[in-house]
PDB file of N, CA and C in Angstrom:
ATOM      1  N   MET A   1      82.657 108.956  86.265  1.00  0.00           N
ATOM      2  CA  MET A   1      81.867 109.412  87.388  1.00  0.00           C
ATOM      3  C   MET A   1      82.740 110.302  88.269  1.00  0.00           C
ATOM      4  N   ASN A   2      82.281 111.487  88.548  1.00  0.00           N
ATOM      5  CA  ASN A   2      83.038 112.449  89.341  1.00  0.00           C
ATOM      6  C   ASN A   2      82.506 112.447  90.774  1.00  0.00           C
ATOM      7  N   THR A   3      83.296 111.946  91.723  1.00  0.00           N
ATOM      8  CA  THR A   3      82.862 111.909  93.113  1.00  0.00           C
ATOM      9  C   THR A   3      83.626 112.941  93.910  1.00  0.00           C
ATOM     10  N   LYS A   4      82.962 113.519  94.883  1.00  0.00           N
ATOM     11  CA  LYS A   4      83.579 114.512  95.744  1.00  0.00           C
ATOM     12  C   LYS A   4      84.327 113.808  96.868  1.00  0.00           C
ATOM     13  N   PRO A   5      85.402 114.432  97.420  1.00  0.00           N
ATOM     14  CA  PRO A   5      86.180 113.783  98.486  1.00  0.00           C
ATOM     15  C   PRO A   5      85.360 113.377  99.702  1.00  0.00           C
ATOM     16  N   HIS A   6      84.274 114.094 100.009  1.00  0.00           N
ATOM     17  CA  HIS A   6      83.475 113.746 101.186  1.00  0.00           C
ATOM     18  C   HIS A   6      82.435 112.669 100.890  1.00  0.00           C
ATOM     19  N   CYS A   7      82.346 112.255  99.667  1.00  0.00           N
ATOM     20  CA  CYS A   7      81.397 111.226  99.255  1.00  0.00           C
ATOM     21  C   CYS A   7      81.860 109.863  99.781  1.00  0.00           C
ATOM     22  N   PRO A   8      80.957 109.045 100.332  1.00  0.00           N
ATOM     23  CA  PRO A   8      81.355 107.730 100.859  1.00  0.00           C
ATOM     24  C   PRO A   8      82.078 106.865  99.837  1.00  0.00           C
ATOM     25  N   SER A   9      81.665 106.920  98.578  1.00  0.00           N
ATOM     26  CA  SER A   9      82.333 106.075  97.583  1.00  0.00           C
ATOM     27  C   SER A   9      83.775 106.518  97.355  1.00  0.00           C
ATOM     28  N   ALA A  10      84.059 107.810  97.490  1.00  0.00           N
ATOM     29  CA  ALA A  10      85.442 108.287  97.352  1.00  0.00           C
ATOM     30  C   ALA A  10      86.304 107.740  98.487  1.00  0.00           C
ATOM     31  N   ASN A  11      85.764 107.726  99.712  1.00  0.00           N
ATOM     32  CA  ASN A  11      86.504 107.167 100.852  1.00  0.00           C
ATOM     33  C   ASN A  11      86.745 105.679 100.675  1.00  0.00           C
ATOM     34  N   LEU A  12      85.737 104.961 100.209  1.00  0.00           N
ATOM     35  CA  LEU A  12      85.905 103.520  99.999  1.00  0.00           C
ATOM     36  C   LEU A  12      86.920 103.240  98.904  1.00  0.00           C
ATOM     37  N   ARG A  13      86.892 104.024  97.848  1.00  0.00           N
ATOM     38  CA  ARG A  13      87.853 103.844  96.758  1.00  0.00           C
ATOM     39  C   ARG A  13      89.272 104.095  97.260  1.00  0.00           C
ATOM     40  N   MET A  14      89.457 105.140  98.066  1.00  0.00           N
ATOM     41  CA  MET A  14      90.770 105.466  98.603  1.00  0.00           C
ATOM     42  C   MET A  14      91.277 104.347  99.511  1.00  0.00           C
ATOM     43  N   LEU A  15      90.402 103.749 100.312  1.00  0.00           N
ATOM     44  CA  LEU A  15      90.802 102.653 101.192  1.00  0.00           C
ATOM     45  C   LEU A  15      91.211 101.418 100.397  1.00  0.00           C
ATOM     46  N   GLY A  16      90.734 101.319  99.170  1.00  0.00           N
ATOM     47  CA  GLY A  16      91.081 100.184  98.326  1.00  0.00           C
ATOM     48  C   GLY A  16      92.442 100.308  97.665  1.00  0.00           C
ATOM     49  N   ASP A  17      93.055 101.489  97.743  1.00  0.00           N
ATOM     50  CA  ASP A  17      94.398 101.663  97.163  1.00  0.00           C
ATOM     51  C   ASP A  17      95.384 100.758  97.892  1.00  0.00           C
ATOM     52  N   TYR A  18      96.259 100.145  97.116  1.00  0.00           N
ATOM     53  CA  TYR A  18      97.274  99.262  97.686  1.00  0.00           C
ATOM     54  C   TYR A  18      98.095 100.030  98.719  1.00  0.00           C
ATOM     55  N   TRP A  19      98.353  99.459  99.843  1.00  0.00           N
ATOM     56  CA  TRP A  19      99.127  99.980 100.971  1.00  0.00           C
ATOM     57  C   TRP A  19      98.331 100.874 101.919  1.00  0.00           C
ATOM     58  N   THR A  20      97.183 101.384 101.517  1.00  0.00           N
ATOM     59  CA  THR A  20      96.459 102.336 102.368  1.00  0.00           C
ATOM     60  C   THR A  20      96.058 101.719 103.706  1.00  0.00           C
ATOM     61  N   LEU A  21      95.454 100.541 103.681  1.00  0.00           N
ATOM     62  CA  LEU A  21      95.044  99.902 104.933  1.00  0.00           C
ATOM     63  C   LEU A  21      96.256  99.559 105.797  1.00  0.00           C
ATOM     64  N   SER A  22      97.350  99.203 105.157  1.00  0.00           N
ATOM     65  CA  SER A  22      98.575  98.905 105.901  1.00  0.00           C
ATOM     66  C   SER A  22      99.129 100.142 106.588  1.00  0.00           C
ATOM     67  N   VAL A  23      99.037 101.284 105.926  1.00  0.00           N
ATOM     68  CA  VAL A  23      99.493 102.546 106.533  1.00  0.00           C
ATOM     69  C   VAL A  23      98.631 102.867 107.756  1.00  0.00           C
ATOM     70  N   ILE A  24      97.331 102.698 107.623  1.00  0.00           N
ATOM     71  CA  ILE A  24      96.431 102.948 108.760  1.00  0.00           C
ATOM     72  C   ILE A  24      96.782 102.016 109.914  1.00  0.00           C
ATOM     73  N   GLN A  25      96.996 100.744 109.615  1.00  0.00           N
ATOM     74  CA  GLN A  25      97.377  99.789 110.661  1.00  0.00           C
ATOM     75  C   GLN A  25      98.698 100.171 111.313  1.00  0.00           C
ATOM     76  N   ALA A  26      99.634 100.653 110.527  1.00  0.00           N
ATOM     77  CA  ALA A  26     100.941 101.033 111.068  1.00  0.00           C
ATOM     78  C   ALA A  26     100.816 102.183 112.062  1.00  0.00           C
ATOM     79  N   LEU A  27      99.793 103.009 111.895  1.00  0.00           N
ATOM     80  CA  LEU A  27      99.607 104.162 112.776  1.00  0.00           C
ATOM     81  C   LEU A  27      98.675 103.874 113.955  1.00  0.00           C
ATOM     82  N   GLN A  28      98.147 102.659 114.034  1.00  0.00           N
ATOM     83  CA  GLN A  28      97.184 102.366 115.098  1.00  0.00           C
ATOM     84  C   GLN A  28      97.787 102.427 116.497  1.00  0.00           C
ATOM     85  N   SER A  29      99.096 102.220 116.608  1.00  0.00           N
ATOM     86  CA  SER A  29      99.719 102.237 117.934  1.00  0.00           C
ATOM     87  C   SER A  29     100.118 103.638 118.387  1.00  0.00           C
ATOM     88  N   GLY A  30      99.911 104.628 117.527  1.00  0.00           N
ATOM     89  CA  GLY A  30     100.214 106.002 117.919  1.00  0.00           C
ATOM     90  C   GLY A  30     101.010 106.754 116.876  1.00  0.00           C
ATOM     91  N   GLU A  31     101.407 107.930 117.250  1.00  0.00           N
ATOM     92  CA  GLU A  31     102.122 108.849 116.362  1.00  0.00           C
ATOM     93  C   GLU A  31     103.461 108.264 115.912  1.00  0.00           C
ATOM     94  N   LYS A  32     103.756 108.407 114.603  1.00  0.00           N
ATOM     95  CA  LYS A  32     105.012 107.879 114.064  1.00  0.00           C
ATOM     96  C   LYS A  32     105.584 108.847 113.046  1.00  0.00           C
ATOM     97  N   ARG A  33     106.920 108.842 112.965  1.00  0.00           N
ATOM     98  CA  ARG A  33     107.601 109.590 111.918  1.00  0.00           C
ATOM     99  C   ARG A  33     107.563 108.770 110.629  1.00  0.00           C
ATOM    100  N   PHE A  34     107.842 109.431 109.517  1.00  0.00           N
ATOM    101  CA  PHE A  34     107.814 108.783 108.205  1.00  0.00           C
ATOM    102  C   PHE A  34     108.669 107.526 108.198  1.00  0.00           C
ATOM    103  N   CYS A  35     109.900 107.644 108.695  1.00  0.00           N
ATOM    104  CA  CYS A  35     110.820 106.494 108.653  1.00  0.00           C
ATOM    105  C   CYS A  35     110.307 105.335 109.504  1.00  0.00           C
ATOM    106  N   GLU A  36     109.582 105.625 110.583  1.00  0.00           N
ATOM    107  CA  GLU A  36     109.022 104.555 111.421  1.00  0.00           C
ATOM    108  C   GLU A  36     107.912 103.827 110.676  1.00  0.00           C
ATOM    109  N   VAL A  37     107.081 104.581 109.975  1.00  0.00           N
ATOM    110  CA  VAL A  37     106.022 103.952 109.180  1.00  0.00           C
ATOM    111  C   VAL A  37     106.653 103.117 108.069  1.00  0.00           C
ATOM    112  N   GLU A  38     107.653 103.676 107.420  1.00  0.00           N
ATOM    113  CA  GLU A  38     108.336 102.979 106.324  1.00  0.00           C
ATOM    114  C   GLU A  38     108.955 101.665 106.797  1.00  0.00           C
ATOM    115  N   ARG A  39     109.573 101.667 107.978  1.00  0.00           N
ATOM    116  CA  ARG A  39     110.172 100.435 108.523  1.00  0.00           C
ATOM    117  C   ARG A  39     109.102  99.397 108.842  1.00  0.00           C
ATOM    118  N   THR A  40     107.948  99.843 109.288  1.00  0.00           N
ATOM    119  CA  THR A  40     106.849  98.927 109.604  1.00  0.00           C
ATOM    120  C   THR A  40     106.337  98.229 108.350  1.00  0.00           C
ATOM    121  N   LEU A  41     106.353  98.937 107.231  1.00  0.00           N
ATOM    122  CA  LEU A  41     105.798  98.424 105.985  1.00  0.00           C
ATOM    123  C   LEU A  41     106.911  97.963 105.050  1.00  0.00           C
ATOM    124  N   THR A  42     107.458  96.819 105.336  1.00  0.00           N
ATOM    125  CA  THR A  42     108.545  96.271 104.539  1.00  0.00           C
ATOM    126  C   THR A  42     108.134  96.176 103.071  1.00  0.00           C
ATOM    127  N   GLY A  43     108.940  96.794 102.216  1.00  0.00           N
ATOM    128  CA  GLY A  43     108.707  96.683 100.780  1.00  0.00           C
ATOM    129  C   GLY A  43     108.001  97.864 100.151  1.00  0.00           C
ATOM    130  N   ILE A  44     107.539  98.823 100.953  1.00  0.00           N
ATOM    131  CA  ILE A  44     106.856  99.970 100.354  1.00  0.00           C
ATOM    132  C   ILE A  44     107.883 100.953  99.800  1.00  0.00           C
ATOM    133  N   ASN A  45     107.596 101.473  98.645  1.00  0.00           N
ATOM    134  CA  ASN A  45     108.427 102.481  98.004  1.00  0.00           C
ATOM    135  C   ASN A  45     108.182 103.817  98.722  1.00  0.00           C
ATOM    136  N   PRO A  46     109.214 104.592  99.032  1.00  0.00           N
ATOM    137  CA  PRO A  46     109.032 105.872  99.726  1.00  0.00           C
ATOM    138  C   PRO A  46     108.072 106.831  99.010  1.00  0.00           C
ATOM    139  N   THR A  47     108.096 106.818  97.683  1.00  0.00           N
ATOM    140  CA  THR A  47     107.172 107.678  96.922  1.00  0.00           C
ATOM    141  C   THR A  47     105.732 107.235  97.133  1.00  0.00           C
ATOM    142  N   THR A  48     105.516 105.930  97.128  1.00  0.00           N
ATOM    143  CA  THR A  48     104.177 105.397  97.361  1.00  0.00           C
ATOM    144  C   THR A  48     103.709 105.753  98.765  1.00  0.00           C
ATOM    145  N   LEU A  49     104.585 105.610  99.753  1.00  0.00           N
ATOM    146  CA  LEU A  49     104.219 105.960 101.124  1.00  0.00           C
ATOM    147  C   LEU A  49     103.866 107.440 101.221  1.00  0.00           C
ATOM    148  N   THR A  50     104.653 108.288 100.605  1.00  0.00           N
ATOM    149  CA  THR A  50     104.365 109.720 100.608  1.00  0.00           C
ATOM    150  C   THR A  50     102.996 109.996 100.002  1.00  0.00           C
ATOM    151  N   ASN A  51     102.697 109.358  98.877  1.00  0.00           N
ATOM    152  CA  ASN A  51     101.403 109.554  98.223  1.00  0.00           C
ATOM    153  C   ASN A  51     100.252 109.082  99.095  1.00  0.00           C
ATOM    154  N   ARG A  52     100.412 107.922  99.741  1.00  0.00           N
ATOM    155  CA  ARG A  52      99.341 107.409 100.604  1.00  0.00           C
ATOM    156  C   ARG A  52      99.121 108.333 101.801  1.00  0.00           C
ATOM    157  N   LEU A  53     100.208 108.800 102.406  1.00  0.00           N
ATOM    158  CA  LEU A  53     100.080 109.708 103.550  1.00  0.00           C
ATOM    159  C   LEU A  53      99.367 110.993 103.145  1.00  0.00           C
ATOM    160  N   LYS A  54      99.688 111.524 101.987  1.00  0.00           N
ATOM    161  CA  LYS A  54      99.029 112.746 101.506  1.00  0.00           C
ATOM    162  C   LYS A  54      97.539 112.515 101.281  1.00  0.00           C
ATOM    163  N   LYS A  55      97.193 111.383 100.660  1.00  0.00           N
ATOM    164  CA  LYS A  55      95.778 111.063 100.421  1.00  0.00           C
ATOM    165  C   LYS A  55      95.023 110.892 101.733  1.00  0.00           C
ATOM    166  N   LEU A  56      95.648 110.188 102.678  1.00  0.00           N
ATOM    167  CA  LEU A  56      94.996 109.970 103.967  1.00  0.00           C
ATOM    168  C   LEU A  56      94.843 111.277 104.732  1.00  0.00           C
ATOM    169  N   GLU A  57      95.805 112.162 104.617  1.00  0.00           N
ATOM    170  CA  GLU A  57      95.690 113.466 105.271  1.00  0.00           C
ATOM    171  C   GLU A  57      94.580 114.295 104.616  1.00  0.00           C
ATOM    172  N   LYS A  58      94.535 114.281 103.300  1.00  0.00           N
ATOM    173  CA  LYS A  58      93.509 115.032 102.570  1.00  0.00           C
ATOM    174  C   LYS A  58      92.101 114.527 102.915  1.00  0.00           C
ATOM    175  N   SER A  59      91.978 113.231 103.137  1.00  0.00           N
ATOM    176  CA  SER A  59      90.669 112.657 103.466  1.00  0.00           C
ATOM    177  C   SER A  59      90.372 112.707 104.968  1.00  0.00           C
ATOM    178  N   LEU A  60      91.259 113.353 105.721  1.00  0.00           N
ATOM    179  CA  LEU A  60      91.094 113.556 107.177  1.00  0.00           C
ATOM    180  C   LEU A  60      91.144 112.259 107.981  1.00  0.00           C
ATOM    181  N   MET A  61      91.838 111.253 107.451  1.00  0.00           N
ATOM    182  CA  MET A  61      92.000 109.989 108.174  1.00  0.00           C
ATOM    183  C   MET A  61      93.236 110.036 109.077  1.00  0.00           C
ATOM    184  N   ILE A  62      94.223 110.849 108.682  1.00  0.00           N
ATOM    185  CA  ILE A  62      95.417 111.021 109.500  1.00  0.00           C
ATOM    186  C   ILE A  62      95.704 112.514 109.668  1.00  0.00           C
ATOM    187  N   LYS A  63      96.501 112.791 110.683  1.00  0.00           N
ATOM    188  CA  LYS A  63      96.920 114.163 110.958  1.00  0.00           C
ATOM    189  C   LYS A  63      98.433 114.224 110.812  1.00  0.00           C
ATOM    190  N   ARG A  64      98.905 115.250 110.139  1.00  0.00           N
ATOM    191  CA  ARG A  64     100.340 115.489 109.965  1.00  0.00           C
ATOM    192  C   ARG A  64     100.718 116.635 110.885  1.00  0.00           C
ATOM    193  N   ARG A  65     101.756 116.415 111.687  1.00  0.00           N
ATOM    194  CA  ARG A  65     102.197 117.442 112.636  1.00  0.00           C
ATOM    195  C   ARG A  65     103.660 117.746 112.395  1.00  0.00           C
ATOM    196  N   GLU A  66     103.945 119.027 112.216  1.00  0.00           N
ATOM    197  CA  GLU A  66     105.324 119.472 112.029  1.00  0.00           C
ATOM    198  C   GLU A  66     105.806 120.132 113.308  1.00  0.00           C
ATOM    199  N   GLU A  67     107.048 119.838 113.654  1.00  0.00           N
ATOM    200  CA  GLU A  67     107.663 120.436 114.836  1.00  0.00           C
ATOM    201  C   GLU A  67     109.114 120.742 114.499  1.00  0.00           C
ATOM    202  N   THR A  68     109.552 121.926 114.886  1.00  0.00           N
ATOM    203  CA  THR A  68     110.940 122.300 114.633  1.00  0.00           C
ATOM    204  C   THR A  68     111.638 122.539 115.961  1.00  0.00           C
ATOM    205  N   VAL A  69     112.639 121.738 116.246  1.00  0.00           N
ATOM    206  CA  VAL A  69     113.497 121.938 117.410  1.00  0.00           C
ATOM    207  C   VAL A  69     114.846 122.332 116.851  1.00  0.00           C
ATOM    208  N   ASP A  70     115.669 121.375 116.481  1.00  0.00           N
ATOM    209  CA  ASP A  70     116.913 121.659 115.775  1.00  0.00           C
ATOM    210  C   ASP A  70     116.680 121.576 114.270  1.00  0.00           C
ATOM    211  N   LYS A  71     115.821 120.645 113.883  1.00  0.00           N
ATOM    212  CA  LYS A  71     115.464 120.470 112.476  1.00  0.00           C
ATOM    213  C   LYS A  71     113.987 120.117 112.412  1.00  0.00           C
ATOM    214  N   LEU A  72     113.443 120.156 111.212  1.00  0.00           N
ATOM    215  CA  LEU A  72     112.030 119.858 111.018  1.00  0.00           C
ATOM    216  C   LEU A  72     111.759 118.390 111.302  1.00  0.00           C
ATOM    217  N   SER A  73     110.771 118.128 112.121  1.00  0.00           N
ATOM    218  CA  SER A  73     110.344 116.772 112.431  1.00  0.00           C
ATOM    219  C   SER A  73     108.851 116.672 112.103  1.00  0.00           C
ATOM    220  N   VAL A  74     108.485 115.679 111.306  1.00  0.00           N
ATOM    221  CA  VAL A  74     107.090 115.488 110.904  1.00  0.00           C
ATOM    222  C   VAL A  74     106.619 114.152 111.449  1.00  0.00           C
ATOM    223  N   THR A  75     105.458 114.169 112.082  1.00  0.00           N
ATOM    224  CA  THR A  75     104.863 112.932 112.573  1.00  0.00           C
ATOM    225  C   THR A  75     103.440 112.806 112.034  1.00  0.00           C
ATOM    226  N   TYR A  76     102.982 111.559 112.000  1.00  0.00           N
ATOM    227  CA  TYR A  76     101.646 111.252 111.505  1.00  0.00           C
ATOM    228  C   TYR A  76     100.905 110.460 112.572  1.00  0.00           C
ATOM    229  N   SER A  77      99.614 110.718 112.684  1.00  0.00           N
ATOM    230  CA  SER A  77      98.784 109.963 113.622  1.00  0.00           C
ATOM    231  C   SER A  77      97.374 109.845 113.044  1.00  0.00           C
ATOM    232  N   LEU A  78      96.647 108.866 113.540  1.00  0.00           N
ATOM    233  CA  LEU A  78      95.266 108.671 113.095  1.00  0.00           C
ATOM    234  C   LEU A  78      94.360 109.713 113.732  1.00  0.00           C
ATOM    235  N   THR A  79      93.397 110.157 112.966  1.00  0.00           N
ATOM    236  CA  THR A  79      92.342 111.012 113.497  1.00  0.00           C
ATOM    237  C   THR A  79      91.219 110.099 114.004  1.00  0.00           C
ATOM    238  N   GLU A  80      90.178 110.683 114.517  1.00  0.00           N
ATOM    239  CA  GLU A  80      89.015 109.896 114.945  1.00  0.00           C
ATOM    240  C   GLU A  80      88.456 109.105 113.764  1.00  0.00           C
ATOM    241  N   LYS A  81      88.420 109.742 112.603  1.00  0.00           N
ATOM    242  CA  LYS A  81      87.927 109.070 111.396  1.00  0.00           C
ATOM    243  C   LYS A  81      88.829 107.889 111.032  1.00  0.00           C
ATOM    244  N   GLY A  82      90.136 108.064 111.142  1.00  0.00           N
ATOM    245  CA  GLY A  82      91.068 106.987 110.846  1.00  0.00           C
ATOM    246  C   GLY A  82      90.950 105.840 111.830  1.00  0.00           C
ATOM    247  N   ARG A  83      90.791 106.163 113.108  1.00  0.00           N
ATOM    248  CA  ARG A  83      90.624 105.109 114.127  1.00  0.00           C
ATOM    249  C   ARG A  83      89.325 104.347 113.931  1.00  0.00           C
ATOM    250  N   ALA A  84      88.319 105.003 113.364  1.00  0.00           N
ATOM    251  CA  ALA A  84      87.031 104.343 113.133  1.00  0.00           C
ATOM    252  C   ALA A  84      87.129 103.241 112.085  1.00  0.00           C
ATOM    253  N   VAL A  85      88.166 103.263 111.263  1.00  0.00           N
ATOM    254  CA  VAL A  85      88.355 102.242 110.228  1.00  0.00           C
ATOM    255  C   VAL A  85      88.995 100.979 110.793  1.00  0.00           C
ATOM    256  N   LEU A  86      89.671 101.080 111.929  1.00  0.00           N
ATOM    257  CA  LEU A  86      90.395  99.936 112.486  1.00  0.00           C
ATOM    258  C   LEU A  86      89.517  98.705 112.723  1.00  0.00           C
ATOM    259  N   PRO A  87      88.309  98.840 113.291  1.00  0.00           N
ATOM    260  CA  PRO A  87      87.475  97.632 113.455  1.00  0.00           C
ATOM    261  C   PRO A  87      87.112  96.991 112.112  1.00  0.00           C
ATOM    262  N   VAL A  88      86.939  97.796 111.085  1.00  0.00           N
ATOM    263  CA  VAL A  88      86.638  97.272 109.750  1.00  0.00           C
ATOM    264  C   VAL A  88      87.828  96.464 109.231  1.00  0.00           C
ATOM    265  N   ILE A  89      89.033  96.984 109.431  1.00  0.00           N
ATOM    266  CA  ILE A  89      90.242  96.274 109.002  1.00  0.00           C
ATOM    267  C   ILE A  89      90.375  94.957 109.751  1.00  0.00           C
ATOM    268  N   ARG A  90      90.094  94.967 111.058  1.00  0.00           N
ATOM    269  CA  ARG A  90      90.167  93.723 111.843  1.00  0.00           C
ATOM    270  C   ARG A  90      89.168  92.692 111.325  1.00  0.00           C
ATOM    271  N   GLU A  91      87.954  93.126 111.009  1.00  0.00           N
ATOM    272  CA  GLU A  91      86.936  92.206 110.488  1.00  0.00           C
ATOM    273  C   GLU A  91      87.341  91.658 109.123  1.00  0.00           C
ATOM    274  N   MET A  92      87.950  92.500 108.302  1.00  0.00           N
ATOM    275  CA  MET A  92      88.431  92.039 106.994  1.00  0.00           C
ATOM    276  C   MET A  92      89.522  90.992 107.166  1.00  0.00           C
ATOM    277  N   ALA A  93      90.398  91.190 108.142  1.00  0.00           N
ATOM    278  CA  ALA A  93      91.464  90.219 108.405  1.00  0.00           C
ATOM    279  C   ALA A  93      90.884  88.901 108.896  1.00  0.00           C
ATOM    280  N   LEU A  94      89.868  88.961 109.748  1.00  0.00           N
ATOM    281  CA  LEU A  94      89.205  87.742 110.217  1.00  0.00           C
ATOM    282  C   LEU A  94      88.556  86.996 109.054  1.00  0.00           C
ATOM    283  N   PHE A  95      87.886  87.747 108.203  1.00  0.00           N
ATOM    284  CA  PHE A  95      87.252  87.153 107.028  1.00  0.00           C
ATOM    285  C   PHE A  95      88.298  86.464 106.152  1.00  0.00           C
ATOM    286  N   ALA A  96      89.406  87.169 105.903  1.00  0.00           N
ATOM    287  CA  ALA A  96      90.466  86.609 105.040  1.00  0.00           C
ATOM    288  C   ALA A  96      91.066  85.345 105.658  1.00  0.00           C
ATOM    289  N   SER A  97      91.277  85.350 106.970  1.00  0.00           N
ATOM    290  CA  SER A  97      91.875  84.162 107.593  1.00  0.00           C
ATOM    291  C   SER A  97      90.903  82.994 107.603  1.00  0.00           C
ATOM    292  N   LYS A  98      89.639  83.276 107.665  1.00  0.00           N
ATOM    293  CA  LYS A  98      88.641  82.209 107.689  1.00  0.00           C
ATOM    294  C   LYS A  98      88.388  81.609 106.304  1.00  0.00           C
ATOM    295  N   PHE A  99      88.408  82.451 105.274  1.00  0.00           N
ATOM    296  CA  PHE A  99      88.038  81.983 103.958  1.00  0.00           C
ATOM    297  C   PHE A  99      89.172  81.995 102.934  1.00  0.00           C
ATOM    298  N   ALA A 100      90.391  82.250 103.369  1.00  0.00           N
ATOM    299  CA  ALA A 100      91.504  82.273 102.408  1.00  0.00           C
ATOM    300  C   ALA A 100      92.012  80.885 102.126  1.00  0.00           C
TER     301      ALA A 100
END
């Protein structure tokens, strides 16, 4: 089945990828650099984190911002679409704690 990126099932499938919800949660407190996100997510492989960030950016859930002062600095933050997922994640956590 070929789904388009804007299709709801494509977004749901992407959210089901391992680490994706954790990356979104890591960004809920605001803009973070790659290393800050990586430190928040103990055990994530840097390649996996890079892949998740790229997917989330492509799906417009996060925004990547580049800034050059002395050297290139890249930060990531949630978009409105990404912030809209946070209540769903909280409800999933409540469900898991109640029925796990």
